[in-house]
C-alpha atoms as a PDB file:
ATOM      1  CA  MET A   1       0.050   0.016   0.061  1.00  0.00           C
ATOM      2  CA  LYS A   2       2.810   2.295   0.809  1.00  0.00           C
ATOM      3  CA  LYS A   3       4.435   1.844  -2.402  1.00  0.00           C
ATOM      4  CA  TRP A   4       1.212   2.701  -4.416  1.00  0.00           C
ATOM      5  CA  MET A   5       0.958   5.817  -2.321  1.00  0.00           C
ATOM      6  CA  PHE A   6       4.636   6.644  -3.074  1.00  0.00           C
ATOM      7  CA  LEU A   7       4.238   5.871  -6.742  1.00  0.00           C
ATOM      8  CA  LEU A   8       1.059   8.028  -7.027  1.00  0.00           C
ATOM      9  CA  THR A   9       2.694  10.823  -5.108  1.00  0.00           C
ATOM     10  CA  VAL A  10       5.789  10.834  -7.457  1.00  0.00           C
ATOM     11  CA  LEU A  11       3.616  10.530 -10.610  1.00  0.00           C
ATOM     12  CA  PHE A  12       1.279  13.427  -9.585  1.00  0.00           C
ATOM     13  CA  GLY A  13       4.406  15.457  -8.492  1.00  0.00           C
ATOM     14  CA  LEU A  14       6.010  14.966 -12.034  1.00  0.00           C
ATOM     15  CA  THR A  15       2.864  15.815 -14.000  1.00  0.00           C
ATOM     16  CA  ALA A  16       2.268  18.949 -11.780  1.00  0.00           C
ATOM     17  CA  VAL A  17       5.783  20.099 -12.565  1.00  0.00           C
ATOM     18  CA  GLN A  18       5.388  19.783 -16.235  1.00  0.00           C
ATOM     19  CA  VAL A  19       2.277  22.162 -16.382  1.00  0.00           C
ATOM     20  CA  SER A  20       3.146  25.484 -17.801  1.00  0.00           C
ATOM     21  CA  PHE A  21       1.182  28.589 -17.702  1.00  0.00           C
ATOM     22  CA  THR A  22       1.144  31.199 -20.445  1.00  0.00           C
ATOM     23  CA  PRO A  23       1.138  34.930 -19.574  1.00  0.00           C
ATOM     24  CA  GLU A  24      -1.985  35.733 -21.568  1.00  0.00           C
ATOM     25  CA  VAL A  25      -4.592  38.251 -20.408  1.00  0.00           C
ATOM     26  CA  HIS A  26      -8.087  36.614 -19.974  1.00  0.00           C
ATOM     27  CA  ALA A  27     -11.300  38.066 -18.624  1.00  0.00           C
ATOM     28  CA  VAL A  28     -11.798  37.212 -14.940  1.00  0.00           C
ATOM     29  CA  SER A  29     -14.656  34.805 -14.274  1.00  0.00           C
ATOM     30  CA  GLN A  30     -17.720  35.565 -12.149  1.00  0.00           C
ATOM     31  CA  LYS A  31     -16.656  33.744  -9.162  1.00  0.00           C
ATOM     32  CA  THR A  32     -13.236  35.451  -9.282  1.00  0.00           C
ATOM     33  CA  TRP A  33     -14.886  38.891  -9.292  1.00  0.00           C
ATOM     34  CA  GLU A  34     -16.706  37.938  -6.203  1.00  0.00           C
ATOM     35  CA  ASP A  35     -13.588  36.803  -4.605  1.00  0.00           C
ATOM     36  CA  VAL A  36     -11.965  40.196  -5.551  1.00  0.00           C
ATOM     37  CA  ALA A  37     -14.887  41.997  -3.920  1.00  0.00           C
ATOM     38  CA  VAL A  38     -14.610  39.835  -0.846  1.00  0.00           C
ATOM     39  CA  LYS A  39     -10.997  40.644  -0.663  1.00  0.00           C
ATOM     40  CA  GLU A  40     -11.456  44.464  -1.295  1.00  0.00           C
ATOM     41  CA  THR A  41     -14.224  44.284   1.640  1.00  0.00           C
ATOM     42  CA  LYS A  42     -11.834  42.549   3.986  1.00  0.00           C
ATOM     43  CA  LYS A  43      -9.260  45.437   3.273  1.00  0.00           C
ATOM     44  CA  ARG A  44     -11.780  47.659   4.830  1.00  0.00           C
ATOM     45  CA  TYR A  45     -13.110  45.500   7.478  1.00  0.00           C
ATOM     46  CA  PRO A  46     -10.161  43.179   8.350  1.00  0.00           C
ATOM     47  CA  LEU A  47     -11.778  41.597  11.395  1.00  0.00           C
ATOM     48  CA  SER A  48     -15.011  40.681   9.895  1.00  0.00           C
ATOM     49  CA  GLN A  49     -16.399  37.284   8.623  1.00  0.00           C
ATOM     50  CA  VAL A  50     -18.451  37.045   5.353  1.00  0.00           C
ATOM     51  CA  LEU A  51     -21.735  35.413   6.132  1.00  0.00           C
ATOM     52  CA  PHE A  52     -23.586  35.885   2.961  1.00  0.00           C
ATOM     53  CA  SER A  53     -22.691  37.281  -0.311  1.00  0.00           C
ATOM     54  CA  GLN A  54     -25.047  38.170  -3.342  1.00  0.00           C
ATOM     55  CA  LYS A  55     -24.483  39.735  -6.634  1.00  0.00           C
ATOM     56  CA  ILE A  56     -26.880  42.693  -7.072  1.00  0.00           C
ATOM     57  CA  TRP A  57     -26.199  43.715 -10.553  1.00  0.00           C
ATOM     58  CA  ASP A  58     -23.699  44.079 -13.336  1.00  0.00           C
ATOM     59  CA  LYS A  59     -23.642  46.538 -16.282  1.00  0.00           C
ATOM     60  CA  LYS A  60     -21.450  46.242 -19.261  1.00  0.00           C
ATOM     61  CA  LYS A  61     -20.613  49.210 -21.524  1.00  0.00           C
ATOM     62  CA  LYS A  62     -18.391  49.399 -24.440  1.00  0.00           C
ATOM     63  CA  ASP A  63     -14.978  49.210 -22.587  1.00  0.00           C
ATOM     64  CA  ILE A  64     -15.983  49.310 -18.840  1.00  0.00           C
ATOM     65  CA  THR A  65     -18.024  46.674 -16.724  1.00  0.00           C
ATOM     66  CA  VAL A  66     -19.322  47.349 -13.293  1.00  0.00           C
ATOM     67  CA  LYS A  67     -20.437  44.703 -10.720  1.00  0.00           C
ATOM     68  CA  GLN A  68     -21.947  45.301  -7.343  1.00  0.00           C
ATOM     69  CA  TYR A  69     -22.260  42.858  -4.494  1.00  0.00           C
ATOM     70  CA  ARG A  70     -23.993  42.864  -1.090  1.00  0.00           C
ATOM     71  CA  PHE A  71     -22.038  41.187   1.745  1.00  0.00           C
ATOM     72  CA  THR A  72     -23.496  40.379   5.146  1.00  0.00           C
ATOM     73  CA  LEU A  73     -20.589  40.718   7.484  1.00  0.00           C
ATOM     74  CA  ARG A  74     -20.134  39.668  11.083  1.00  0.00           C
ATOM     75  CA  GLU A  75     -17.606  41.576  13.456  1.00  0.00           C
ATOM     76  CA  GLY A  76     -17.705  40.558  16.890  1.00  0.00           C
ATOM     77  CA  MET A  77     -21.327  40.073  17.863  1.00  0.00           C
ATOM     78  CA  GLN A  78     -22.477  42.637  15.349  1.00  0.00           C
ATOM     79  CA  ASP A  79     -23.914  41.716  11.775  1.00  0.00           C
ATOM     80  CA  PHE A  80     -24.130  44.442   9.299  1.00  0.00           C
ATOM     81  CA  ALA A  81     -24.183  44.651   5.532  1.00  0.00           C
ATOM     82  CA  VAL A  82     -22.046  46.483   2.973  1.00  0.00           C
ATOM     83  CA  TYR A  83     -22.176  47.157  -0.700  1.00  0.00           C
ATOM     84  CA  THR A  84     -18.959  46.595  -2.901  1.00  0.00           C
ATOM     85  CA  THR A  85     -18.836  48.106  -6.414  1.00  0.00           C
ATOM     86  CA  ILE A  86     -16.039  47.269  -8.742  1.00  0.00           C
ATOM     87  CA  THR A  87     -15.313  48.940 -11.910  1.00  0.00           C
ATOM     88  CA  PHE A  88     -12.929  47.350 -14.353  1.00  0.00           C
ATOM     89  CA  ASP A  89     -11.864  47.222 -18.048  1.00  0.00           C
ATOM     90  CA  SER A  90     -13.900  44.747 -19.897  1.00  0.00           C
ATOM     91  CA  GLU A  91     -11.049  43.486 -22.093  1.00  0.00           C
ATOM     92  CA  THR A  92      -8.020  43.295 -19.774  1.00  0.00           C
ATOM     93  CA  GLY A  93      -9.705  42.920 -16.361  1.00  0.00           C
ATOM     94  CA  GLU A  94      -7.823  45.762 -14.952  1.00  0.00           C
ATOM     95  CA  ILE A  95      -9.609  47.159 -11.875  1.00  0.00           C
ATOM     96  CA  LYS A  96     -10.366  50.819 -12.244  1.00  0.00           C
ATOM     97  CA  LYS A  97     -12.305  51.657  -9.030  1.00  0.00           C
ATOM     98  CA  VAL A  98     -13.545  49.880  -6.025  1.00  0.00           C
ATOM     99  CA  GLN A  99     -16.266  51.299  -3.438  1.00  0.00           C
ATOM    100  CA  VAL A 100     -17.251  49.641  -0.305  1.00  0.00           C
ATOM    101  CA  ILE A 101     -20.206  51.341   1.370  1.00  0.00           C
ATOM    102  CA  PRO A 102     -21.997  50.275   4.429  1.00  0.00           C
ATOM    103  CA  GLU A 103     -25.704  49.801   4.122  1.00  0.00           C
ATOM    104  CA  ALA A 104     -27.644  52.572   5.788  1.00  0.00           C
END
């Protein structure tokens, strides 16, 4: 059994090393933009936990895309919501602006 585990580990390790990544620019997927929004929100509220996330809307224009998310956060014993809006270049995925606004 140990030999099989060792063989699989070596085999997986060799195939993982042979994978190469090309430095091409790709549009960022939906889940990744949500992850970016969480990361930006955590910069503003570093001690908070994200309890719930929801995409509110997105708008795509000619060269700019805007996405807005609503996060329910918990910091200590207090729950509150914030809206995080990300504006980015549609083709390159470069972030132009991030806004984190607490819900009133």
